[in-house]
C-alpha atoms as a PDB file:
ATOM      1  CA  UNK A   1      15.832  11.951  -5.763  1.00  0.00           C
ATOM      2  CA  UNK A   2      14.519   9.420  -3.284  1.00  0.00           C
ATOM      3  CA  UNK A   3      11.002   7.783  -3.310  1.00  0.00           C
ATOM      4  CA  UNK A   4       9.078   6.593  -0.165  1.00  0.00           C
ATOM      5  CA  UNK A   5       7.016   4.024  -0.969  1.00  0.00           C
ATOM      6  CA  UNK A   6       4.172   2.644   1.225  1.00  0.00           C
ATOM      7  CA  UNK A   7       3.016  -0.885   1.197  1.00  0.00           C
ATOM      8  CA  UNK A   8      -0.783  -2.499   0.480  1.00  0.00           C
ATOM      9  CA  UNK A   9      -2.508  -5.326   2.341  1.00  0.00           C
ATOM     10  CA  UNK A  10      -1.289  -8.860   2.309  1.00  0.00           C
ATOM     11  CA  UNK A  11       2.348  -7.297   3.300  1.00  0.00           C
ATOM     12  CA  UNK A  12       1.558  -7.749   7.218  1.00  0.00           C
ATOM     13  CA  UNK A  13       3.120 -10.758   8.886  1.00  0.00           C
ATOM     14  CA  UNK A  14       2.113 -11.679  12.778  1.00  0.00           C
ATOM     15  CA  UNK A  15       4.547  -9.770  15.481  1.00  0.00           C
ATOM     16  CA  UNK A  16       5.920  -7.469  12.570  1.00  0.00           C
ATOM     17  CA  UNK A  17       5.278  -4.639  15.578  1.00  0.00           C
ATOM     18  CA  UNK A  18       7.427  -6.282  17.867  1.00  0.00           C
ATOM     19  CA  UNK A  19      10.753  -4.348  17.364  1.00  0.00           C
ATOM     20  CA  UNK A  20       9.304  -1.085  16.886  1.00  0.00           C
ATOM     21  CA  UNK A  21       7.547  -1.357  20.575  1.00  0.00           C
ATOM     22  CA  UNK A  22      11.598  -1.171  21.611  1.00  0.00           C
ATOM     23  CA  UNK A  23      11.602   2.795  20.531  1.00  0.00           C
ATOM     24  CA  UNK A  24      10.183   4.787  23.495  1.00  0.00           C
ATOM     25  CA  UNK A  25       7.864   7.226  21.400  1.00  0.00           C
ATOM     26  CA  UNK A  26       6.043   3.711  19.632  1.00  0.00           C
ATOM     27  CA  UNK A  27       4.027   2.628  22.113  1.00  0.00           C
ATOM     28  CA  UNK A  28       2.410   6.216  22.474  1.00  0.00           C
ATOM     29  CA  UNK A  29       1.699   6.779  19.613  1.00  0.00           C
ATOM     30  CA  UNK A  30       0.141   3.366  18.410  1.00  0.00           C
ATOM     31  CA  UNK A  31      -1.844   4.144  21.161  1.00  0.00           C
ATOM     32  CA  UNK A  32      -3.320   6.991  19.830  1.00  0.00           C
ATOM     33  CA  UNK A  33      -4.058   5.589  16.472  1.00  0.00           C
ATOM     34  CA  UNK A  34      -5.581   2.837  18.081  1.00  0.00           C
ATOM     35  CA  UNK A  35      -7.789   4.794  19.808  1.00  0.00           C
ATOM     36  CA  UNK A  36      -8.711   6.127  16.221  1.00  0.00           C
ATOM     37  CA  UNK A  37      -9.113   3.041  14.727  1.00  0.00           C
ATOM     38  CA  UNK A  38     -11.361   1.285  17.019  1.00  0.00           C
ATOM     39  CA  UNK A  39      -8.678  -1.259  17.285  1.00  0.00           C
ATOM     40  CA  UNK A  40      -5.800  -2.516  19.647  1.00  0.00           C
ATOM     41  CA  UNK A  41      -3.243  -2.123  16.906  1.00  0.00           C
ATOM     42  CA  UNK A  42      -0.222  -2.542  19.136  1.00  0.00           C
ATOM     43  CA  UNK A  43      -1.673  -6.452  20.125  1.00  0.00           C
ATOM     44  CA  UNK A  44      -2.487  -7.278  16.633  1.00  0.00           C
ATOM     45  CA  UNK A  45       1.114  -5.886  15.295  1.00  0.00           C
ATOM     46  CA  UNK A  46       2.832  -7.885  18.098  1.00  0.00           C
ATOM     47  CA  UNK A  47       0.446 -10.991  19.338  1.00  0.00           C
ATOM     48  CA  UNK A  48      -2.289 -11.802  16.852  1.00  0.00           C
ATOM     49  CA  UNK A  49      -1.888 -14.689  14.789  1.00  0.00           C
ATOM     50  CA  UNK A  50      -1.741 -14.731  10.941  1.00  0.00           C
ATOM     51  CA  UNK A  51      -5.238 -15.383  10.208  1.00  0.00           C
ATOM     52  CA  UNK A  52      -6.678 -12.513  12.539  1.00  0.00           C
ATOM     53  CA  UNK A  53      -4.164  -9.789  10.819  1.00  0.00           C
ATOM     54  CA  UNK A  54      -5.681 -10.885   7.776  1.00  0.00           C
ATOM     55  CA  UNK A  55      -8.787  -9.707   8.151  1.00  0.00           C
ATOM     56  CA  UNK A  56      -9.554  -6.569   6.103  1.00  0.00           C
ATOM     57  CA  UNK A  57     -10.775  -4.756   8.872  1.00  0.00           C
ATOM     58  CA  UNK A  58      -7.434  -5.696  11.317  1.00  0.00           C
ATOM     59  CA  UNK A  59      -4.509  -5.451   8.468  1.00  0.00           C
ATOM     60  CA  UNK A  60      -5.373  -2.174   6.805  1.00  0.00           C
ATOM     61  CA  UNK A  61      -5.714   0.270  10.089  1.00  0.00           C
ATOM     62  CA  UNK A  62      -2.694  -2.368  10.920  1.00  0.00           C
ATOM     63  CA  UNK A  63      -0.632  -1.096   7.854  1.00  0.00           C
ATOM     64  CA  UNK A  64      -1.099   2.308   7.781  1.00  0.00           C
ATOM     65  CA  UNK A  65      -0.075   2.736  11.302  1.00  0.00           C
ATOM     66  CA  UNK A  66       3.066   0.732  11.142  1.00  0.00           C
ATOM     67  CA  UNK A  67       3.793   2.905   8.282  1.00  0.00           C
ATOM     68  CA  UNK A  68       3.246   6.334  10.163  1.00  0.00           C
ATOM     69  CA  UNK A  69       5.877   4.929  12.923  1.00  0.00           C
ATOM     70  CA  UNK A  70       8.599   4.134  10.878  1.00  0.00           C
ATOM     71  CA  UNK A  71       7.967   7.493   8.966  1.00  0.00           C
ATOM     72  CA  UNK A  72       8.204   9.226  12.384  1.00  0.00           C
ATOM     73  CA  UNK A  73      11.392   6.915  13.564  1.00  0.00           C
ATOM     74  CA  UNK A  74      13.200   8.114  10.480  1.00  0.00           C
ATOM     75  CA  UNK A  75      12.463  10.877   9.829  1.00  0.00           C
ATOM     76  CA  UNK A  76      12.797  14.165  12.140  1.00  0.00           C
ATOM     77  CA  UNK A  77      12.273  16.814  10.085  1.00  0.00           C
ATOM     78  CA  UNK A  78       9.146  18.226   7.851  1.00  0.00           C
ATOM     79  CA  UNK A  79       9.354  15.970   4.867  1.00  0.00           C
ATOM     80  CA  UNK A  80       8.578  19.097   2.779  1.00  0.00           C
ATOM     81  CA  UNK A  81      11.946  20.426   3.151  1.00  0.00           C
ATOM     82  CA  UNK A  82      13.777  16.885   1.580  1.00  0.00           C
ATOM     83  CA  UNK A  83      14.091  16.124  -2.019  1.00  0.00           C
ATOM     84  CA  UNK A  84      11.710  12.766  -2.111  1.00  0.00           C
ATOM     85  CA  UNK A  85       8.957  11.638  -3.849  1.00  0.00           C
ATOM     86  CA  UNK A  86       5.535  10.031  -1.799  1.00  0.00           C
ATOM     87  CA  UNK A  87       3.894   6.748  -3.132  1.00  0.00           C
ATOM     88  CA  UNK A  88       1.622   3.952  -1.670  1.00  0.00           C
ATOM     89  CA  UNK A  89       0.118   1.062  -2.781  1.00  0.00           C
ATOM     90  CA  UNK A  90      -3.567   0.444  -2.419  1.00  0.00           C
ATOM     91  CA  UNK A  91      -4.014   1.055   1.315  1.00  0.00           C
ATOM     92  CA  UNK A  92      -0.534   1.996   1.472  1.00  0.00           C
ATOM     93  CA  UNK A  93      -1.317   5.239  -0.401  1.00  0.00           C
ATOM     94  CA  UNK A  94      -3.549   6.513   2.741  1.00  0.00           C
ATOM     95  CA  UNK A  95       0.035   6.259   4.265  1.00  0.00           C
ATOM     96  CA  UNK A  96       1.436   8.400   1.908  1.00  0.00           C
ATOM     97  CA  UNK A  97      -1.092  10.914   1.558  1.00  0.00           C
ATOM     98  CA  UNK A  98      -0.662  11.282   5.752  1.00  0.00           C
ATOM     99  CA  UNK A  99       2.795  11.958   5.237  1.00  0.00           C
ATOM    100  CA  UNK A 100       2.516  14.284   2.190  1.00  0.00           C
ATOM    101  CA  UNK A 101       0.332  16.466   4.198  1.00  0.00           C
ATOM    102  CA  UNK A 102      -2.682  16.000   2.382  1.00  0.00           C
ATOM    103  CA  UNK A 103      -4.345  13.744   5.417  1.00  0.00           C
ATOM    104  CA  UNK A 104      -3.727  14.199   9.276  1.00  0.00           C
ATOM    105  CA  UNK A 105      -2.645  11.350  10.798  1.00  0.00           C
ATOM    106  CA  UNK A 106      -6.462  11.887  12.643  1.00  0.00           C
ATOM    107  CA  UNK A 107      -7.855  11.976   9.270  1.00  0.00           C
ATOM    108  CA  UNK A 108      -5.506   8.980   7.722  1.00  0.00           C
ATOM    109  CA  UNK A 109      -6.535   6.594  10.648  1.00  0.00           C
ATOM    110  CA  UNK A 110     -10.215   7.517  10.163  1.00  0.00           C
ATOM    111  CA  UNK A 111     -10.439   7.049   6.701  1.00  0.00           C
ATOM    112  CA  UNK A 112      -8.552   3.576   6.917  1.00  0.00           C
ATOM    113  CA  UNK A 113     -10.950   2.492   9.241  1.00  0.00           C
ATOM    114  CA  UNK A 114     -14.092   3.292   7.362  1.00  0.00           C
ATOM    115  CA  UNK A 115     -12.342   2.074   4.089  1.00  0.00           C
ATOM    116  CA  UNK A 116     -11.322  -1.218   5.956  1.00  0.00           C
ATOM    117  CA  UNK A 117     -14.819  -2.155   7.699  1.00  0.00           C
ATOM    118  CA  UNK A 118     -16.286  -0.975   4.432  1.00  0.00           C
ATOM    119  CA  UNK A 119     -14.524  -3.413   2.424  1.00  0.00           C
ATOM    120  CA  UNK A 120     -14.900  -6.241   4.518  1.00  0.00           C
ATOM    121  CA  UNK A 121     -18.650  -5.582   4.586  1.00  0.00           C
ATOM    122  CA  UNK A 122     -18.777  -5.509   0.806  1.00  0.00           C
ATOM    123  CA  UNK A 123     -15.954  -8.818   0.605  1.00  0.00           C
ATOM    124  CA  UNK A 124     -18.782 -10.439   3.006  1.00  0.00           C
ATOM    125  CA  UNK A 125     -21.180 -10.714  -0.050  1.00  0.00           C
ATOM    126  CA  UNK A 126     -19.447 -12.713  -2.419  1.00  0.00           C
ATOM    127  CA  UNK A 127     -16.558 -15.049  -1.307  1.00  0.00           C
ATOM    128  CA  UNK A 128     -13.461 -13.031  -3.521  1.00  0.00           C
ATOM    129  CA  UNK A 129     -10.226 -13.086  -3.123  1.00  0.00           C
ATOM    130  CA  UNK A 130      -6.709 -12.417  -5.044  1.00  0.00           C
ATOM    131  CA  UNK A 131      -3.756 -14.250  -6.526  1.00  0.00           C
ATOM    132  CA  UNK A 132      -0.460 -12.938  -8.029  1.00  0.00           C
ATOM    133  CA  UNK A 133       0.530 -14.208 -11.099  1.00  0.00           C
ATOM    134  CA  UNK A 134       4.363 -13.839 -11.366  1.00  0.00           C
ATOM    135  CA  UNK A 135       6.411 -14.530 -14.812  1.00  0.00           C
ATOM    136  CA  UNK A 136       4.674 -15.073 -18.579  1.00  0.00           C
ATOM    137  CA  UNK A 137       4.383 -12.377 -21.381  1.00  0.00           C
ATOM    138  CA  UNK A 138       2.073  -9.686 -19.706  1.00  0.00           C
ATOM    139  CA  UNK A 139      -0.592  -9.515 -22.598  1.00  0.00           C
ATOM    140  CA  UNK A 140      -0.912 -13.566 -22.200  1.00  0.00           C
ATOM    141  CA  UNK A 141      -1.203 -12.756 -18.301  1.00  0.00           C
ATOM    142  CA  UNK A 142      -3.841 -10.330 -19.044  1.00  0.00           C
ATOM    143  CA  UNK A 143      -5.611 -12.511 -21.423  1.00  0.00           C
ATOM    144  CA  UNK A 144      -5.354 -15.373 -19.028  1.00  0.00           C
ATOM    145  CA  UNK A 145      -6.941 -13.359 -16.451  1.00  0.00           C
ATOM    146  CA  UNK A 146      -9.604 -12.083 -18.779  1.00  0.00           C
ATOM    147  CA  UNK A 147     -10.752 -15.430 -19.628  1.00  0.00           C
ATOM    148  CA  UNK A 148     -11.270 -16.888 -15.745  1.00  0.00           C
ATOM    149  CA  UNK A 149     -13.710 -13.935 -15.496  1.00  0.00           C
ATOM    150  CA  UNK A 150     -11.282 -12.193 -12.486  1.00  0.00           C
ATOM    151  CA  UNK A 151      -9.940  -8.917 -12.814  1.00  0.00           C
ATOM    152  CA  UNK A 152      -6.403  -7.913 -13.414  1.00  0.00           C
ATOM    153  CA  UNK A 153      -6.619  -5.708 -10.245  1.00  0.00           C
ATOM    154  CA  UNK A 154      -3.239  -4.638  -9.457  1.00  0.00           C
ATOM    155  CA  UNK A 155      -0.889  -4.098 -12.395  1.00  0.00           C
ATOM    156  CA  UNK A 156       2.327  -4.218 -10.744  1.00  0.00           C
ATOM    157  CA  UNK A 157       5.000  -4.311 -13.619  1.00  0.00           C
ATOM    158  CA  UNK A 158       8.381  -6.327 -12.764  1.00  0.00           C
ATOM    159  CA  UNK A 159       6.742  -8.900 -14.254  1.00  0.00           C
ATOM    160  CA  UNK A 160       3.673  -9.177 -11.283  1.00  0.00           C
ATOM    161  CA  UNK A 161       0.078  -8.756 -11.887  1.00  0.00           C
ATOM    162  CA  UNK A 162      -2.503  -9.776  -9.725  1.00  0.00           C
ATOM    163  CA  UNK A 163      -6.266 -11.123 -10.246  1.00  0.00           C
ATOM    164  CA  UNK A 164      -9.154 -10.541  -7.961  1.00  0.00           C
ATOM    165  CA  UNK A 165     -12.766 -12.200  -8.369  1.00  0.00           C
ATOM    166  CA  UNK A 166     -14.724 -15.027  -7.051  1.00  0.00           C
ATOM    167  CA  UNK A 167     -12.714 -18.202  -5.661  1.00  0.00           C
ATOM    168  CA  UNK A 168     -13.598 -20.385  -9.058  1.00  0.00           C
ATOM    169  CA  UNK A 169     -12.813 -17.942 -11.067  1.00  0.00           C
ATOM    170  CA  UNK A 170      -9.550 -17.997  -9.457  1.00  0.00           C
ATOM    171  CA  UNK A 171      -9.206 -21.560  -9.400  1.00  0.00           C
ATOM    172  CA  UNK A 172      -9.907 -21.344 -13.179  1.00  0.00           C
ATOM    173  CA  UNK A 173      -6.959 -19.177 -13.584  1.00  0.00           C
ATOM    174  CA  UNK A 174      -4.725 -21.226 -11.247  1.00  0.00           C
ATOM    175  CA  UNK A 175      -6.350 -24.376 -13.539  1.00  0.00           C
ATOM    176  CA  UNK A 176      -5.208 -22.713 -16.949  1.00  0.00           C
ATOM    177  CA  UNK A 177      -2.291 -20.572 -16.121  1.00  0.00           C
ATOM    178  CA  UNK A 178      -0.463 -18.214 -18.567  1.00  0.00           C
ATOM    179  CA  UNK A 179       2.696 -20.077 -20.062  1.00  0.00           C
ATOM    180  CA  UNK A 180       5.589 -19.232 -18.003  1.00  0.00           C
ATOM    181  CA  UNK A 181       3.875 -18.052 -15.089  1.00  0.00           C
ATOM    182  CA  UNK A 182       3.323 -18.997 -11.782  1.00  0.00           C
ATOM    183  CA  UNK A 183      -0.534 -18.569 -10.020  1.00  0.00           C
ATOM    184  CA  UNK A 184       0.079 -17.765  -6.117  1.00  0.00           C
ATOM    185  CA  UNK A 185      -3.314 -17.155  -3.724  1.00  0.00           C
ATOM    186  CA  UNK A 186      -2.719 -13.887  -1.416  1.00  0.00           C
ATOM    187  CA  UNK A 187      -3.931 -13.427   2.160  1.00  0.00           C
ATOM    188  CA  UNK A 188      -6.666 -11.203   1.104  1.00  0.00           C
ATOM    189  CA  UNK A 189      -9.810 -11.811   2.115  1.00  0.00           C
ATOM    190  CA  UNK A 190     -11.533 -10.045  -0.705  1.00  0.00           C
ATOM    191  CA  UNK A 191     -11.658  -8.952  -4.379  1.00  0.00           C
ATOM    192  CA  UNK A 192     -10.048  -5.515  -3.931  1.00  0.00           C
ATOM    193  CA  UNK A 193     -10.031  -3.234  -6.788  1.00  0.00           C
ATOM    194  CA  UNK A 194     -12.948  -4.220  -8.747  1.00  0.00           C
ATOM    195  CA  UNK A 195     -16.365  -3.839  -9.053  1.00  0.00           C
ATOM    196  CA  UNK A 196     -16.960  -6.116  -5.832  1.00  0.00           C
ATOM    197  CA  UNK A 197     -15.891  -3.430  -3.591  1.00  0.00           C
ATOM    198  CA  UNK A 198     -18.296  -0.221  -5.364  1.00  0.00           C
ATOM    199  CA  UNK A 199     -20.061  -0.327  -1.752  1.00  0.00           C
ATOM    200  CA  UNK A 200     -17.378   0.350  -0.016  1.00  0.00           C
ATOM    201  CA  UNK A 201     -16.704   3.544  -2.479  1.00  0.00           C
ATOM    202  CA  UNK A 202     -20.291   4.558  -1.647  1.00  0.00           C
ATOM    203  CA  UNK A 203     -19.349   4.504   2.184  1.00  0.00           C
ATOM    204  CA  UNK A 204     -16.504   6.853   1.825  1.00  0.00           C
ATOM    205  CA  UNK A 205     -18.325   8.969  -0.418  1.00  0.00           C
ATOM    206  CA  UNK A 206     -20.310   9.685   2.981  1.00  0.00           C
ATOM    207  CA  UNK A 207     -16.939  10.306   4.542  1.00  0.00           C
ATOM    208  CA  UNK A 208     -15.451  12.793   2.500  1.00  0.00           C
ATOM    209  CA  UNK A 209     -17.500  15.753   4.025  1.00  0.00           C
ATOM    210  CA  UNK A 210     -16.134  15.751   7.673  1.00  0.00           C
ATOM    211  CA  UNK A 211     -12.247  15.742   5.690  1.00  0.00           C
ATOM    212  CA  UNK A 212     -10.623  19.116   5.206  1.00  0.00           C
ATOM    213  CA  UNK A 213      -7.427  17.718   2.472  1.00  0.00           C
ATOM    214  CA  UNK A 214      -5.002  20.179   1.729  1.00  0.00           C
ATOM    215  CA  UNK A 215      -2.588  20.255  -0.775  1.00  0.00           C
ATOM    216  CA  UNK A 216       0.408  17.900  -0.793  1.00  0.00           C
ATOM    217  CA  UNK A 217       2.852  19.542   0.712  1.00  0.00           C
ATOM    218  CA  UNK A 218       5.922  16.521  -1.308  1.00  0.00           C
ATOM    219  CA  UNK A 219       5.492  15.192  -4.633  1.00  0.00           C
ATOM    220  CA  UNK A 220       2.613  12.483  -4.194  1.00  0.00           C
ATOM    221  CA  UNK A 221       2.110   9.606  -6.981  1.00  0.00           C
ATOM    222  CA  UNK A 222      -1.830   8.511  -7.416  1.00  0.00           C
ATOM    223  CA  UNK A 223      -1.784   4.671  -8.496  1.00  0.00           C
ATOM    224  CA  UNK A 224      -4.749   5.224 -10.689  1.00  0.00           C
ATOM    225  CA  UNK A 225      -2.320   6.425 -13.386  1.00  0.00           C
ATOM    226  CA  UNK A 226       0.603   6.841 -12.198  1.00  0.00           C
ATOM    227  CA  UNK A 227       0.389  10.501 -12.212  1.00  0.00           C
ATOM    228  CA  UNK A 228       1.264  13.733  -9.726  1.00  0.00           C
ATOM    229  CA  UNK A 229      -1.780  14.606  -7.411  1.00  0.00           C
ATOM    230  CA  UNK A 230      -1.230  18.544  -6.551  1.00  0.00           C
ATOM    231  CA  UNK A 231      -4.777  18.847  -5.259  1.00  0.00           C
ATOM    232  CA  UNK A 232      -5.902  17.873  -2.134  1.00  0.00           C
ATOM    233  CA  UNK A 233      -9.443  17.200  -2.434  1.00  0.00           C
ATOM    234  CA  UNK A 234      -8.483  15.442  -6.245  1.00  0.00           C
ATOM    235  CA  UNK A 235      -6.375  12.999  -3.933  1.00  0.00           C
ATOM    236  CA  UNK A 236      -9.351  11.644  -1.605  1.00  0.00           C
ATOM    237  CA  UNK A 237     -11.325  11.803  -4.444  1.00  0.00           C
ATOM    238  CA  UNK A 238      -8.365   9.197  -6.298  1.00  0.00           C
ATOM    239  CA  UNK A 239      -8.019   7.044  -2.789  1.00  0.00           C
ATOM    240  CA  UNK A 240     -12.413   6.994  -2.867  1.00  0.00           C
ATOM    241  CA  UNK A 241     -12.106   6.143  -6.420  1.00  0.00           C
ATOM    242  CA  UNK A 242      -9.122   3.513  -5.517  1.00  0.00           C
ATOM    243  CA  UNK A 243     -11.124   0.978  -3.886  1.00  0.00           C
ATOM    244  CA  UNK A 244     -13.109  -0.373  -7.054  1.00  0.00           C
ATOM    245  CA  UNK A 245     -10.637   0.418  -9.935  1.00  0.00           C
ATOM    246  CA  UNK A 246      -7.270  -1.259 -10.226  1.00  0.00           C
ATOM    247  CA  UNK A 247      -3.859  -0.180  -9.009  1.00  0.00           C
ATOM    248  CA  UNK A 248      -1.245   0.756 -11.918  1.00  0.00           C
ATOM    249  CA  UNK A 249       2.192   0.329  -9.739  1.00  0.00           C
ATOM    250  CA  UNK A 250       3.658  -0.048 -12.889  1.00  0.00           C
ATOM    251  CA  UNK A 251       3.181   3.322 -13.835  1.00  0.00           C
ATOM    252  CA  UNK A 252       4.106   4.744 -10.618  1.00  0.00           C
ATOM    253  CA  UNK A 253       7.847   3.044 -11.007  1.00  0.00           C
ATOM    254  CA  UNK A 254       7.745   4.212 -15.021  1.00  0.00           C
ATOM    255  CA  UNK A 255       7.151   7.715 -13.398  1.00  0.00           C
ATOM    256  CA  UNK A 256       9.476   7.364 -10.569  1.00  0.00           C
ATOM    257  CA  UNK A 257      12.268   6.391 -13.160  1.00  0.00           C
ATOM    258  CA  UNK A 258      11.152   9.337 -15.579  1.00  0.00           C
ATOM    259  CA  UNK A 259      12.015  11.327 -12.181  1.00  0.00           C
ATOM    260  CA  UNK A 260      15.142  10.405 -11.189  1.00  0.00           C
ATOM    261  CA  UNK A 261      14.887   8.603  -8.542  1.00  0.00           C
ATOM    262  CA  UNK A 262      17.581   6.486  -7.711  1.00  0.00           C
ATOM    263  CA  UNK A 263      16.918   5.503  -4.123  1.00  0.00           C
ATOM    264  CA  UNK A 264      13.730   3.902  -2.623  1.00  0.00           C
ATOM    265  CA  UNK A 265      12.934   3.983   0.792  1.00  0.00           C
ATOM    266  CA  UNK A 266      10.017   1.544   1.622  1.00  0.00           C
ATOM    267  CA  UNK A 267       8.498   1.809   4.825  1.00  0.00           C
ATOM    268  CA  UNK A 268       7.041  -0.715   7.285  1.00  0.00           C
ATOM    269  CA  UNK A 269       6.072  -3.509   6.943  1.00  0.00           C
ATOM    270  CA  UNK A 270       8.219  -3.494   4.161  1.00  0.00           C
ATOM    271  CA  UNK A 271       9.616  -6.172   1.680  1.00  0.00           C
ATOM    272  CA  UNK A 272       7.248  -6.169  -1.740  1.00  0.00           C
ATOM    273  CA  UNK A 273       7.702  -2.390  -3.223  1.00  0.00           C
ATOM    274  CA  UNK A 274      11.410  -2.724  -2.816  1.00  0.00           C
ATOM    275  CA  UNK A 275      11.223  -5.920  -4.396  1.00  0.00           C
ATOM    276  CA  UNK A 276       9.751  -4.631  -7.289  1.00  0.00           C
ATOM    277  CA  UNK A 277      11.515  -1.781  -7.827  1.00  0.00           C
ATOM    278  CA  UNK A 278      14.596  -4.069  -7.697  1.00  0.00           C
ATOM    279  CA  UNK A 279      13.163  -5.905 -10.698  1.00  0.00           C
ATOM    280  CA  UNK A 280      11.254  -3.307 -12.337  1.00  0.00           C
ATOM    281  CA  UNK A 281      13.757  -0.153 -11.378  1.00  0.00           C
ATOM    282  CA  UNK A 282      16.951  -1.249 -12.744  1.00  0.00           C
ATOM    283  CA  UNK A 283      20.096   0.441 -10.903  1.00  0.00           C
ATOM    284  CA  UNK A 284      17.798   1.440  -8.453  1.00  0.00           C
ATOM    285  CA  UNK A 285      19.147   1.187  -4.972  1.00  0.00           C
ATOM    286  CA  UNK A 286      16.409  -0.405  -1.827  1.00  0.00           C
ATOM    287  CA  UNK A 287      16.021  -0.165   1.444  1.00  0.00           C
ATOM    288  CA  UNK A 288      12.941  -2.169   3.092  1.00  0.00           C
ATOM    289  CA  UNK A 289      12.364  -0.587   6.210  1.00  0.00           C
ATOM    290  CA  UNK A 290      11.655  -3.609   8.236  1.00  0.00           C
ATOM    291  CA  UNK A 291      12.517  -2.943  12.260  1.00  0.00           C
ATOM    292  CA  UNK A 292      14.087  -0.377  13.474  1.00  0.00           C
ATOM    293  CA  UNK A 293      17.359  -2.162  12.228  1.00  0.00           C
ATOM    294  CA  UNK A 294      16.860  -0.623   9.011  1.00  0.00           C
ATOM    295  CA  UNK A 295      16.776   2.489   9.813  1.00  0.00           C
ATOM    296  CA  UNK A 296      20.720   3.075   9.669  1.00  0.00           C
ATOM    297  CA  UNK A 297      20.844   1.837   6.364  1.00  0.00           C
ATOM    298  CA  UNK A 298      17.822   3.961   5.256  1.00  0.00           C
ATOM    299  CA  UNK A 299      19.447   7.198   6.668  1.00  0.00           C
ATOM    300  CA  UNK A 300      22.592   6.191   5.123  1.00  0.00           C
ATOM    301  CA  UNK A 301      21.262   6.297   1.650  1.00  0.00           C
ATOM    302  CA  UNK A 302      19.302   8.912   1.737  1.00  0.00           C
ATOM    303  CA  UNK A 303      22.272  10.914   3.065  1.00  0.00           C
ATOM    304  CA  UNK A 304      23.969   9.561   0.325  1.00  0.00           C
ATOM    305  CA  UNK A 305      21.683  10.463  -2.671  1.00  0.00           C
ATOM    306  CA  UNK A 306      21.694  14.095  -0.968  1.00  0.00           C
ATOM    307  CA  UNK A 307      25.353  14.349  -1.191  1.00  0.00           C
ATOM    308  CA  UNK A 308      24.936  13.775  -4.729  1.00  0.00           C
ATOM    309  CA  UNK A 309      22.169  15.832  -5.333  1.00  0.00           C
END
């Protein structure tokens, strides 16, 4: 079984889409997705600077678009015909939902546009951010985050938890880190997956009647509890609720391991989830599809697993 995973915010880097524009179909796809998103994804993925693409309203549509471009370049058949399971981290769950057939590409980009704009608005109400806590005893890490007043917004497994809160709370955590742990500020502009984002969840509820979600055609995991989502409407409800509740990527990796997944392909902008899989799923083979040059290795991994199925 092969897992296709889609990364979340903070995985983007300046110019990361430039190599993809060398593929003949990508320019047209990005132009179409840009029209829906209401921003120039091609420019943001090639020439915009780090500060620009850190902006929530830019980063989220850019990441979803990158995943859709990479997936289309990787597979020329319906994913429902392949022995795969899908999961996405935070905004990446929108990408995964589109690949699973829950949302159309247009609906996915409409959803991420509204999500990004409403989360940016919510983030502007109070200065907030996120910091990764790497290493340390898990119980001590959670206790330190709680003591600072912050929230464990992403429990990623493999020795990584992400705290979210006000800058004062995050500074308190940095000043009083858990034993044998590092506190690393992240390139995100808000305390995502916390109560600070409640207004964004409310905004997305108003969008829901415009969507026509379908039953997933490929097994799709929710990063609320790591369980498979089997109903389209429930998948959208989970995407909306996810905005203001913690991401449990550790539980997603547990489910992938339980399902017998032995290979993980992370779509662009890749690297973070493949790294977590290497540490949290011992023995799993991983490919981070960062550029088109990585497509060959991804297809080889799929062929290898298919041959042993």
